[in-house]
Amino acid sequence: MNRFFNLDKKTITALSALVALSLFFGLYFFPMIGRSGELEIKLQKARKDLAEITSAAEKYAALSNRLPGGAGGLAGTGKRVKLADEVGSVAQKSGMSDLIKKMVPRVAGGRNRQEELSVSIARVSLPLFVRFLEMLHKSPSGIVVRKANIASSFEDKNLLDIELTLTPAI
């Protein structure tokens, strides 16, 4: 019976390593293998969802190209109106054309390459700006504000300096 208690250091180290490996496999490795199956199922579902979204986007692009005037054009007119021209017209009607410092058109990247317009407006009153936004919203192609940066003017705190990114609603 005494010889079981007289284990040397090598045997104790080997037994300790064996217990540590058993704990590692039992508490970490085997549960991780079980979770990998769950992750594979989630990945397959995400791929299926991506395929459905891509298909819907392609259908949308095909349908919007069949609209009169194409996507971004005025419905029913059969011709495209440039976003900058329409925003300029709205600015003139709202009395803001002299406050617009610059308009920079560009095409947004991505699959549907949508037209964008960056507009800088300096020293505009809040009521005039609200009127301008309402007229943009009621415009024939329904212009949408995608991004706005509004700050009070340095020279007059009652006026606003505004940077807008606009796109057609379609």
Protein backbone atom coordinates (compact mmCIF):
# COMPACT_ATOMS: atom_id res chain seq x y z
CA MET A 1 0.00 0.00 0.00
CA ASN A 2 2.90 2.33 0.66
CA ARG A 3 4.18 2.14 -2.88
CA PHE A 4 1.06 4.01 -4.21
CA PHE A 5 1.96 6.97 -2.08
CA ASN A 6 5.62 6.98 -3.12
CA LEU A 7 5.10 8.29 -6.65
CA ASP A 8 8.07 10.06 -8.13
CA LYS A 9 7.97 13.55 -9.65
CA LYS A 10 7.86 12.31 -13.24
CA THR A 11 4.75 10.25 -12.58
CA ILE A 12 3.02 13.13 -10.80
CA THR A 13 3.89 15.50 -13.68
CA ALA A 14 2.58 13.01 -16.24
CA LEU A 15 -0.66 12.53 -14.31
CA SER A 16 -1.08 16.30 -13.94
CA ALA A 17 -0.57 16.79 -17.67
CA LEU A 18 -3.10 14.07 -18.38
CA VAL A 19 -5.67 15.75 -16.11
CA ALA A 20 -4.96 19.14 -17.73
CA LEU A 21 -5.42 17.69 -21.24
CA SER A 22 -8.64 16.00 -20.20
CA LEU A 23 -9.96 19.29 -18.82
CA PHE A 24 -8.91 21.15 -21.98
CA PHE A 25 -10.67 18.70 -24.28
CA GLY A 26 -13.72 18.37 -22.05
CA LEU A 27 -14.27 22.06 -21.29
CA TYR A 28 -12.93 23.83 -24.37
CA PHE A 29 -12.25 21.72 -27.43
CA PHE A 30 -15.34 19.47 -27.63
CA PRO A 31 -17.84 22.32 -27.00
CA MET A 32 -16.08 24.36 -29.69
CA ILE A 33 -16.55 21.54 -32.20
CA GLY A 34 -20.28 21.54 -31.39
CA ARG A 35 -20.49 25.30 -31.95
CA SER A 36 -18.80 25.05 -35.35
CA GLY A 37 -21.82 23.11 -36.64
CA GLU A 38 -24.13 25.90 -35.45
CA LEU A 39 -21.93 28.50 -37.12
CA GLU A 40 -21.99 26.55 -40.38
CA ILE A 41 -25.81 26.58 -40.32
CA LYS A 42 -25.81 30.34 -39.67
CA LEU A 43 -23.32 30.87 -42.51
CA GLN A 44 -25.51 28.89 -44.95
CA LYS A 45 -28.55 30.98 -43.92
CA ALA A 46 -26.59 34.21 -44.40
CA ARG A 47 -25.49 33.09 -47.88
CA LYS A 48 -29.10 32.27 -48.79
CA ASP A 49 -30.25 35.69 -47.52
CA LEU A 50 -27.50 37.40 -49.51
CA ALA A 51 -28.58 35.58 -52.68
CA GLU A 52 -32.19 36.67 -52.13
CA ILE A 53 -31.18 40.30 -51.52
CA THR A 54 -28.95 40.32 -54.59
CA SER A 55 -31.78 38.89 -56.69
CA ALA A 56 -34.22 41.51 -55.36
CA ALA A 57 -31.71 44.31 -56.08
CA GLU A 58 -31.27 43.09 -59.65
CA LYS A 59 -35.05 42.93 -60.13
CA TYR A 60 -35.37 46.45 -58.72
CA ALA A 61 -32.68 47.77 -61.06
CA ALA A 62 -34.35 46.10 -64.06
CA LEU A 63 -37.76 47.51 -63.13
CA SER A 64 -36.46 51.01 -62.42
CA ASN A 65 -34.73 51.07 -65.82
CA ARG A 66 -38.11 50.33 -67.46
CA LEU A 67 -39.69 53.43 -65.86
CA PRO A 68 -40.28 56.38 -68.17
CA GLY A 69 -37.14 58.49 -68.12
CA GLY A 70 -35.17 55.83 -66.26
CA ALA A 71 -34.38 55.90 -62.57
CA GLY A 72 -34.06 59.45 -61.30
CA GLY A 73 -36.02 60.97 -64.19
CA LEU A 74 -39.38 62.65 -63.92
CA ALA A 75 -42.17 60.10 -64.11
CA GLY A 76 -44.26 60.43 -67.22
CA THR A 77 -42.03 62.95 -69.03
CA GLY A 78 -39.87 60.43 -70.86
CA LYS A 79 -36.70 62.49 -70.22
CA ARG A 80 -34.15 62.63 -67.45
CA VAL A 81 -33.69 65.81 -65.47
CA LYS A 82 -30.30 66.35 -63.88
CA LEU A 83 -30.35 66.60 -60.12
CA ALA A 84 -28.27 69.80 -60.15
CA ASP A 85 -30.73 71.46 -62.54
CA GLU A 86 -33.70 70.51 -60.40
CA VAL A 87 -32.04 71.66 -57.15
CA GLY A 88 -31.04 74.92 -58.85
CA SER A 89 -34.63 75.46 -59.95
CA VAL A 90 -35.93 74.79 -56.42
CA ALA A 91 -33.31 77.13 -54.96
CA GLN A 92 -34.36 79.89 -57.35
CA LYS A 93 -38.06 79.43 -56.55
CA SER A 94 -37.38 79.46 -52.80
CA GLY A 95 -35.18 82.57 -53.00
CA MET A 96 -31.96 80.80 -52.02
CA SER A 97 -30.07 80.76 -55.32
CA ASP A 98 -27.68 83.53 -54.21
CA LEU A 99 -26.93 81.71 -50.91
CA ILE A 100 -25.77 78.48 -52.58
CA LYS A 101 -21.98 78.68 -52.75
CA LYS A 102 -21.33 75.45 -54.64
CA MET A 103 -23.02 72.38 -56.05
CA VAL A 104 -20.83 69.39 -56.89
CA PRO A 105 -22.50 66.48 -58.74
CA ARG A 106 -21.05 62.98 -58.53
CA VAL A 107 -22.10 59.38 -58.97
CA ALA A 108 -22.15 57.25 -55.81
CA GLY A 109 -20.33 53.95 -56.04
CA GLY A 110 -21.94 50.58 -55.62
CA ARG A 111 -24.22 48.39 -57.67
CA ASN A 112 -26.91 50.96 -58.52
CA ARG A 113 -24.55 53.93 -59.11
CA GLN A 114 -26.92 56.65 -57.98
CA GLU A 115 -26.47 60.33 -58.78
CA GLU A 116 -25.57 62.53 -55.78
CA LEU A 117 -25.21 66.27 -55.35
CA SER A 118 -23.17 68.00 -52.64
CA VAL A 119 -24.58 71.45 -51.90
CA SER A 120 -22.95 74.18 -49.77
CA ILE A 121 -25.25 76.91 -48.47
CA ALA A 122 -23.89 79.89 -46.53
CA ARG A 123 -25.63 82.30 -44.16
CA VAL A 124 -29.24 81.13 -44.55
CA SER A 125 -32.04 81.73 -42.04
CA LEU A 126 -33.81 78.72 -40.56
CA PRO A 127 -37.27 79.58 -42.01
CA LEU A 128 -35.81 80.00 -45.52
CA PHE A 129 -33.91 76.71 -45.20
CA VAL A 130 -37.06 74.88 -44.04
CA ARG A 131 -38.95 76.29 -47.03
CA PHE A 132 -36.16 75.09 -49.34
CA LEU A 133 -36.34 71.58 -47.82
CA GLU A 134 -40.13 71.47 -48.21
CA MET A 135 -39.83 72.47 -51.87
CA LEU A 136 -37.15 69.78 -52.42
CA HIS A 137 -39.46 67.20 -50.90
CA LYS A 138 -42.35 68.29 -53.15
CA SER A 139 -40.20 68.40 -56.30
CA PRO A 140 -41.23 66.09 -59.19
CA SER A 141 -38.47 63.54 -58.59
CA GLY A 142 -38.72 63.77 -54.79
CA ILE A 143 -35.20 64.79 -53.82
CA VAL A 144 -33.92 63.14 -50.64
CA VAL A 145 -31.40 64.57 -48.15
CA ARG A 146 -28.97 61.73 -47.45
CA LYS A 147 -26.59 63.70 -45.26
CA ALA A 148 -26.68 67.13 -43.61
CA ASN A 149 -24.09 69.11 -41.69
CA ILE A 150 -25.62 72.23 -40.12
CA ALA A 151 -23.70 74.82 -38.09
CA SER A 152 -24.34 78.40 -37.04
CA SER A 153 -22.57 80.95 -39.19
CA PHE A 154 -19.32 82.38 -37.85
CA GLU A 155 -20.28 85.95 -38.80
CA ASP A 156 -23.91 85.87 -37.58
CA LYS A 157 -25.08 83.28 -35.04
CA ASN A 158 -28.71 83.68 -36.22
CA LEU A 159 -27.82 82.32 -39.67
CA LEU A 160 -26.76 78.80 -40.68
CA ASP A 161 -23.97 77.35 -42.82
CA ILE A 162 -25.13 74.05 -44.31
CA GLU A 163 -23.58 71.16 -46.25
CA LEU A 164 -26.10 68.75 -47.86
CA THR A 165 -25.79 65.53 -49.83
CA LEU A 166 -28.87 65.08 -52.02
CA THR A 167 -30.07 62.17 -54.18
CA PRO A 168 -33.19 61.45 -56.22
CA ALA A 169 -35.82 59.44 -54.34
CA ILE A 170 -35.75 56.61 -56.93
